[in-house]
Amino acid sequence: MFVIGGFLLGAIGGGLRARARGGKAADIAQYATVYGILFGLLGLFITIYLDRMLRG
């Protein structure tokens, strides 16, 4: 859940950031991809952390 949510939020945020800076379609796609991957990885680490903490 956190991985997918992080990827989607990162992709949307990255696309909006590139558009605000006046980027073209390729720039928007690149920002969306990079931010999606970064936030997806962050979500993965959160998932692993929570899994280990809840197992005790």
C-alpha atoms as a PDB file:
ATOM      1  CA  MET A   1       0.000   0.000   0.000  1.00  0.00           C
ATOM      2  CA  PHE A   2       2.686   2.479   0.965  1.00  0.00           C
ATOM      3  CA  VAL A   3       4.748   1.660  -2.109  1.00  0.00           C
ATOM      4  CA  ILE A   4       1.908   2.204  -4.569  1.00  0.00           C
ATOM      5  CA  GLY A   5       0.654   5.288  -2.753  1.00  0.00           C
ATOM      6  CA  GLY A   6       4.145   6.729  -2.567  1.00  0.00           C
ATOM      7  CA  PHE A   7       4.724   6.120  -6.251  1.00  0.00           C
ATOM      8  CA  LEU A   8       1.450   7.757  -7.254  1.00  0.00           C
ATOM      9  CA  LEU A   9       1.911  10.769  -4.980  1.00  0.00           C
ATOM     10  CA  GLY A  10       5.505  11.188  -6.144  1.00  0.00           C
ATOM     11  CA  ALA A  11       4.543  10.954  -9.812  1.00  0.00           C
ATOM     12  CA  ILE A  12       1.777  13.504  -9.427  1.00  0.00           C
ATOM     13  CA  GLY A  13       3.979  15.837  -7.391  1.00  0.00           C
ATOM     14  CA  GLY A  14       6.887  15.519  -9.807  1.00  0.00           C
ATOM     15  CA  GLY A  15       4.684  16.202 -12.808  1.00  0.00           C
ATOM     16  CA  LEU A  16       3.169  19.261 -11.189  1.00  0.00           C
ATOM     17  CA  ARG A  17       6.592  20.555 -10.191  1.00  0.00           C
ATOM     18  CA  ALA A  18       7.937  20.199 -13.725  1.00  0.00           C
ATOM     19  CA  ARG A  19       4.863  21.885 -15.174  1.00  0.00           C
ATOM     20  CA  ALA A  20       5.211  24.776 -12.720  1.00  0.00           C
ATOM     21  CA  ARG A  21       8.786  25.269 -13.897  1.00  0.00           C
ATOM     22  CA  GLY A  22       7.619  25.459 -17.496  1.00  0.00           C
ATOM     23  CA  GLY A  23       8.811  22.035 -18.593  1.00  0.00           C
ATOM     24  CA  LYS A  24       7.861  20.345 -21.833  1.00  0.00           C
ATOM     25  CA  ALA A  25       6.176  16.937 -22.024  1.00  0.00           C
ATOM     26  CA  ALA A  26       9.468  15.028 -21.788  1.00  0.00           C
ATOM     27  CA  ASP A  27      10.528  17.046 -18.734  1.00  0.00           C
ATOM     28  CA  ILE A  28       7.199  16.415 -17.029  1.00  0.00           C
ATOM     29  CA  ALA A  29       7.456  12.684 -17.739  1.00  0.00           C
ATOM     30  CA  GLN A  30      11.006  12.527 -16.429  1.00  0.00           C
ATOM     31  CA  TYR A  31      10.199  14.394 -13.224  1.00  0.00           C
ATOM     32  CA  ALA A  32       7.105  12.244 -12.671  1.00  0.00           C
ATOM     33  CA  THR A  33       9.125   9.062 -13.133  1.00  0.00           C
ATOM     34  CA  VAL A  34      11.997  10.077 -10.875  1.00  0.00           C
ATOM     35  CA  TYR A  35       9.785  11.396  -8.100  1.00  0.00           C
ATOM     36  CA  GLY A  36       7.564   8.321  -8.393  1.00  0.00           C
ATOM     37  CA  ILE A  37      10.539   5.999  -7.981  1.00  0.00           C
ATOM     38  CA  LEU A  38      11.932   7.974  -5.037  1.00  0.00           C
ATOM     39  CA  PHE A  39       8.643   8.110  -3.179  1.00  0.00           C
ATOM     40  CA  GLY A  40       7.965   4.454  -4.018  1.00  0.00           C
ATOM     41  CA  LEU A  41      11.305   3.491  -2.456  1.00  0.00           C
ATOM     42  CA  LEU A  42      10.478   5.577   0.586  1.00  0.00           C
ATOM     43  CA  GLY A  43       7.167   3.718   0.845  1.00  0.00           C
ATOM     44  CA  LEU A  44       9.029   0.405   0.574  1.00  0.00           C
ATOM     45  CA  PHE A  45      11.316   1.319   3.457  1.00  0.00           C
ATOM     46  CA  ILE A  46       8.330   2.407   5.546  1.00  0.00           C
ATOM     47  CA  THR A  47       6.626  -0.915   4.806  1.00  0.00           C
ATOM     48  CA  ILE A  48       9.714  -2.909   5.810  1.00  0.00           C
ATOM     49  CA  TYR A  49      10.145  -0.867   8.983  1.00  0.00           C
ATOM     50  CA  LEU A  50       6.524  -1.285  10.033  1.00  0.00           C
ATOM     51  CA  ASP A  51       6.598  -5.001   9.263  1.00  0.00           C
ATOM     52  CA  ARG A  52       9.630  -5.525  11.474  1.00  0.00           C
ATOM     53  CA  MET A  53       8.263  -3.381  14.289  1.00  0.00           C
ATOM     54  CA  LEU A  54       4.850  -5.049  14.365  1.00  0.00           C
ATOM     55  CA  ARG A  55       6.274  -8.570  14.387  1.00  0.00           C
ATOM     56  CA  GLY A  56       8.115  -7.766  17.593  1.00  0.00           C
END
